[in-house]
Amino acid sequence: MATVRRAGRYSSTDVHTTPAGAWVSHVVLAEAVWVVSSVYKRTPQPLARAVARLLAHESLVLQDAGVVARALEHFAKKPALGFSDPLPD
């Protein structure tokens, strides 16, 4: 089991344990993609490969993995729109 915390201010109610590993929300995933893209100047192709690896990772649980997979497909076809655009708020 892994213990994870949501982004932002932390309290004892923000700690989550999942049997599969760390849980990653849409917001955290979108922010991570944005930071890697903006700060580290990565292009869409390596970003898409990285998100695909996160989807396949055995110790991570992505929020609504099917939604993330569809957003990834959309991003691969039209990278100018950005990865986070198809994700729900």
N, C-alpha and C. Protein backbone atom coordinates (compact mmCIF):
# COMPACT_ATOMS: atom_id res chain seq x y z
N MET A 1 0.83 -1.19 0.00
CA MET A 1 0.00 0.00 0.00
C MET A 1 0.87 1.24 0.00
N ALA A 2 0.41 2.24 -0.71
CA ALA A 2 1.14 3.50 -0.76
C ALA A 2 0.31 4.59 -0.12
N THR A 3 0.97 5.54 0.49
CA THR A 3 0.29 6.68 1.06
C THR A 3 0.56 7.88 0.17
N VAL A 4 -0.50 8.58 -0.21
CA VAL A 4 -0.35 9.73 -1.10
C VAL A 4 -1.10 10.91 -0.52
N ARG A 5 -0.68 12.11 -0.92
CA ARG A 5 -1.37 13.33 -0.51
C ARG A 5 -1.80 14.12 -1.73
N ARG A 6 -2.93 14.79 -1.60
CA ARG A 6 -3.38 15.67 -2.67
C ARG A 6 -2.53 16.93 -2.67
N ALA A 7 -2.45 17.56 -3.85
CA ALA A 7 -1.67 18.79 -3.99
C ALA A 7 -2.32 19.93 -3.19
N GLY A 8 -1.53 20.86 -2.77
CA GLY A 8 -2.04 22.02 -2.06
C GLY A 8 -1.73 21.94 -0.58
N ARG A 9 -2.59 22.54 0.23
CA ARG A 9 -2.41 22.50 1.68
C ARG A 9 -2.69 21.09 2.18
N TYR A 10 -1.91 20.66 3.13
CA TYR A 10 -2.04 19.30 3.62
C TYR A 10 -2.67 19.27 5.01
N SER A 11 -3.50 18.28 5.22
CA SER A 11 -4.03 17.99 6.55
C SER A 11 -4.15 16.48 6.65
N SER A 12 -4.53 16.00 7.80
CA SER A 12 -4.62 14.55 7.98
C SER A 12 -5.69 13.93 7.09
N THR A 13 -6.65 14.71 6.63
CA THR A 13 -7.70 14.16 5.76
C THR A 13 -7.27 14.10 4.30
N ASP A 14 -6.10 14.64 3.96
CA ASP A 14 -5.62 14.65 2.58
C ASP A 14 -4.76 13.44 2.23
N VAL A 15 -4.51 12.59 3.20
CA VAL A 15 -3.66 11.43 2.96
C VAL A 15 -4.53 10.27 2.49
N HIS A 16 -4.16 9.68 1.37
CA HIS A 16 -4.93 8.57 0.79
C HIS A 16 -4.03 7.35 0.62
N THR A 17 -4.56 6.21 0.98
CA THR A 17 -3.84 4.96 0.79
C THR A 17 -4.63 4.10 -0.18
N THR A 18 -3.97 3.58 -1.18
CA THR A 18 -4.63 2.70 -2.14
C THR A 18 -3.86 1.39 -2.19
N PRO A 19 -4.57 0.27 -2.35
CA PRO A 19 -3.87 -1.00 -2.43
C PRO A 19 -2.96 -1.11 -3.65
N ALA A 20 -3.31 -0.44 -4.72
CA ALA A 20 -2.54 -0.54 -5.97
C ALA A 20 -1.33 0.38 -5.99
N GLY A 21 -1.30 1.40 -5.19
CA GLY A 21 -0.18 2.35 -5.20
C GLY A 21 -0.68 3.77 -5.12
N ALA A 22 0.07 4.69 -5.69
CA ALA A 22 -0.27 6.11 -5.62
C ALA A 22 -1.42 6.44 -6.56
N TRP A 23 -2.32 7.29 -6.09
CA TRP A 23 -3.45 7.76 -6.88
C TRP A 23 -3.10 9.13 -7.43
N VAL A 24 -3.27 9.33 -8.75
CA VAL A 24 -2.91 10.58 -9.42
C VAL A 24 -4.17 11.19 -10.02
N SER A 25 -4.51 12.39 -9.57
CA SER A 25 -5.71 13.06 -10.09
C SER A 25 -5.44 13.69 -11.45
N HIS A 26 -6.52 14.06 -12.14
CA HIS A 26 -6.39 14.76 -13.42
C HIS A 26 -5.59 16.04 -13.26
N VAL A 27 -5.86 16.76 -12.18
CA VAL A 27 -5.20 18.05 -11.96
C VAL A 27 -3.70 17.86 -11.80
N VAL A 28 -3.28 16.88 -11.01
CA VAL A 28 -1.86 16.63 -10.80
C VAL A 28 -1.20 16.21 -12.11
N LEU A 29 -1.86 15.33 -12.85
CA LEU A 29 -1.30 14.88 -14.13
C LEU A 29 -1.18 16.04 -15.12
N ALA A 30 -2.23 16.85 -15.23
CA ALA A 30 -2.20 17.99 -16.15
C ALA A 30 -1.12 18.99 -15.76
N GLU A 31 -0.97 19.25 -14.46
CA GLU A 31 0.06 20.19 -14.01
C GLU A 31 1.46 19.64 -14.29
N ALA A 32 1.64 18.34 -14.08
CA ALA A 32 2.95 17.73 -14.35
C ALA A 32 3.29 17.84 -15.83
N VAL A 33 2.34 17.58 -16.70
CA VAL A 33 2.57 17.68 -18.14
C VAL A 33 2.88 19.13 -18.50
N TRP A 34 2.16 20.06 -17.93
CA TRP A 34 2.39 21.48 -18.22
C TRP A 34 3.80 21.90 -17.79
N VAL A 35 4.21 21.49 -16.58
CA VAL A 35 5.54 21.87 -16.08
C VAL A 35 6.63 21.29 -16.97
N VAL A 36 6.52 20.02 -17.31
CA VAL A 36 7.55 19.39 -18.14
C VAL A 36 7.59 20.05 -19.52
N SER A 37 6.43 20.41 -20.04
CA SER A 37 6.36 21.07 -21.34
C SER A 37 6.92 22.49 -21.27
N SER A 38 6.47 23.25 -20.30
CA SER A 38 6.83 24.66 -20.22
C SER A 38 8.22 24.92 -19.67
N VAL A 39 8.54 24.30 -18.58
CA VAL A 39 9.81 24.57 -17.91
C VAL A 39 10.96 23.81 -18.58
N TYR A 40 10.71 22.55 -18.91
CA TYR A 40 11.79 21.72 -19.47
C TYR A 40 11.74 21.65 -21.00
N LYS A 41 10.79 22.37 -21.59
CA LYS A 41 10.71 22.51 -23.05
C LYS A 41 10.62 21.17 -23.80
N ARG A 42 9.85 20.24 -23.26
CA ARG A 42 9.67 18.96 -23.94
C ARG A 42 8.58 19.10 -24.99
N THR A 43 8.73 18.41 -26.10
CA THR A 43 7.77 18.44 -27.19
C THR A 43 6.64 17.44 -26.91
N PRO A 44 5.54 17.52 -27.66
CA PRO A 44 4.40 16.65 -27.40
C PRO A 44 4.69 15.14 -27.48
N GLN A 45 5.56 14.72 -28.39
CA GLN A 45 5.80 13.28 -28.55
C GLN A 45 6.37 12.64 -27.29
N PRO A 46 7.44 13.18 -26.68
CA PRO A 46 7.92 12.58 -25.43
C PRO A 46 6.93 12.70 -24.28
N LEU A 47 6.16 13.78 -24.28
CA LEU A 47 5.14 13.93 -23.24
C LEU A 47 4.08 12.84 -23.37
N ALA A 48 3.66 12.58 -24.59
CA ALA A 48 2.65 11.54 -24.82
C ALA A 48 3.19 10.17 -24.41
N ARG A 49 4.44 9.91 -24.72
CA ARG A 49 5.05 8.62 -24.32
C ARG A 49 5.11 8.51 -22.79
N ALA A 50 5.43 9.61 -22.13
CA ALA A 50 5.51 9.60 -20.67
C ALA A 50 4.15 9.33 -20.04
N VAL A 51 3.11 9.97 -20.55
CA VAL A 51 1.76 9.74 -20.01
C VAL A 51 1.33 8.31 -20.28
N ALA A 52 1.66 7.78 -21.45
CA ALA A 52 1.34 6.38 -21.76
C ALA A 52 2.03 5.44 -20.77
N ARG A 53 3.27 5.75 -20.41
CA ARG A 53 3.97 4.92 -19.42
C ARG A 53 3.32 5.02 -18.06
N LEU A 54 2.84 6.21 -17.70
CA LEU A 54 2.13 6.35 -16.42
C LEU A 54 0.84 5.53 -16.42
N LEU A 55 0.14 5.53 -17.55
CA LEU A 55 -1.09 4.73 -17.66
C LEU A 55 -0.81 3.24 -17.47
N ALA A 56 0.33 2.79 -17.94
CA ALA A 56 0.68 1.38 -17.86
C ALA A 56 1.41 1.00 -16.57
N HIS A 57 1.74 1.98 -15.75
CA HIS A 57 2.53 1.72 -14.54
C HIS A 57 1.73 0.90 -13.54
N GLU A 58 2.36 -0.11 -12.98
CA GLU A 58 1.65 -1.02 -12.08
C GLU A 58 1.42 -0.45 -10.68
N SER A 59 2.15 0.59 -10.30
CA SER A 59 2.02 1.15 -8.96
C SER A 59 1.31 2.50 -8.93
N LEU A 60 0.75 2.92 -10.04
CA LEU A 60 0.00 4.18 -10.09
C LEU A 60 -1.44 3.91 -10.49
N VAL A 61 -2.33 4.66 -9.89
CA VAL A 61 -3.73 4.61 -10.27
C VAL A 61 -4.09 6.02 -10.74
N LEU A 62 -4.35 6.16 -12.03
CA LEU A 62 -4.72 7.47 -12.57
C LEU A 62 -6.24 7.64 -12.47
N GLN A 63 -6.65 8.80 -12.04
CA GLN A 63 -8.08 9.10 -11.96
C GLN A 63 -8.71 8.89 -13.33
N ASP A 64 -9.77 8.10 -13.40
CA ASP A 64 -10.49 7.84 -14.66
C ASP A 64 -9.50 7.54 -15.79
N ALA A 65 -8.80 6.43 -15.66
CA ALA A 65 -7.76 6.07 -16.63
C ALA A 65 -8.28 6.05 -18.06
N GLY A 66 -9.52 5.67 -18.28
CA GLY A 66 -10.10 5.68 -19.62
C GLY A 66 -10.19 7.09 -20.18
N VAL A 67 -10.54 8.03 -19.33
CA VAL A 67 -10.61 9.44 -19.74
C VAL A 67 -9.21 9.95 -20.08
N VAL A 68 -8.22 9.56 -19.27
CA VAL A 68 -6.84 9.96 -19.53
C VAL A 68 -6.36 9.36 -20.85
N ALA A 69 -6.71 8.10 -21.10
CA ALA A 69 -6.31 7.44 -22.36
C ALA A 69 -6.92 8.15 -23.56
N ARG A 70 -8.18 8.55 -23.46
CA ARG A 70 -8.81 9.29 -24.57
C ARG A 70 -8.18 10.67 -24.74
N ALA A 71 -7.85 11.34 -23.64
CA ALA A 71 -7.18 12.64 -23.72
C ALA A 71 -5.81 12.48 -24.38
N LEU A 72 -5.14 11.38 -24.06
CA LEU A 72 -3.83 11.11 -24.66
C LEU A 72 -3.95 10.89 -26.16
N GLU A 73 -4.96 10.14 -26.59
CA GLU A 73 -5.19 9.93 -28.03
C GLU A 73 -5.45 11.27 -28.72
N HIS A 74 -6.28 12.10 -28.10
CA HIS A 74 -6.60 13.41 -28.65
C HIS A 74 -5.34 14.27 -28.75
N PHE A 75 -4.53 14.25 -27.69
CA PHE A 75 -3.29 15.02 -27.65
C PHE A 75 -2.31 14.54 -28.73
N ALA A 76 -2.25 13.24 -28.94
CA ALA A 76 -1.34 12.70 -29.97
C ALA A 76 -1.76 13.15 -31.37
N LYS A 77 -3.08 13.27 -31.60
CA LYS A 77 -3.58 13.69 -32.91
C LYS A 77 -3.48 15.20 -33.11
N LYS A 78 -3.76 15.96 -32.04
CA LYS A 78 -3.77 17.42 -32.13
C LYS A 78 -3.02 18.02 -30.94
N PRO A 79 -1.69 17.94 -30.95
CA PRO A 79 -0.93 18.42 -29.79
C PRO A 79 -1.07 19.91 -29.52
N ALA A 80 -1.44 20.68 -30.53
CA ALA A 80 -1.58 22.12 -30.32
C ALA A 80 -2.69 22.45 -29.32
N LEU A 81 -3.64 21.55 -29.17
CA LEU A 81 -4.74 21.79 -28.21
C LEU A 81 -4.29 21.61 -26.77
N GLY A 82 -3.22 20.88 -26.56
CA GLY A 82 -2.74 20.64 -25.19
C GLY A 82 -3.31 19.36 -24.61
N PHE A 83 -2.59 18.79 -23.68
CA PHE A 83 -3.02 17.53 -23.07
C PHE A 83 -4.24 17.72 -22.17
N SER A 84 -4.27 18.79 -21.41
CA SER A 84 -5.32 18.95 -20.40
C SER A 84 -6.67 19.38 -20.95
N ASP A 85 -6.73 19.88 -22.16
CA ASP A 85 -7.99 20.38 -22.70
C ASP A 85 -9.12 19.34 -22.68
N PRO A 86 -8.88 18.08 -23.07
CA PRO A 86 -9.98 17.10 -23.04
C PRO A 86 -10.28 16.54 -21.64
N LEU A 87 -9.43 16.84 -20.65
CA LEU A 87 -9.70 16.32 -19.31
C LEU A 87 -10.81 17.12 -18.63
N PRO A 88 -11.65 16.45 -17.85
CA PRO A 88 -12.70 17.21 -17.12
C PRO A 88 -12.10 18.07 -16.04
N ASP A 89 -12.80 19.12 -15.67
CA ASP A 89 -12.34 20.02 -14.59
C ASP A 89 -12.52 19.39 -13.24
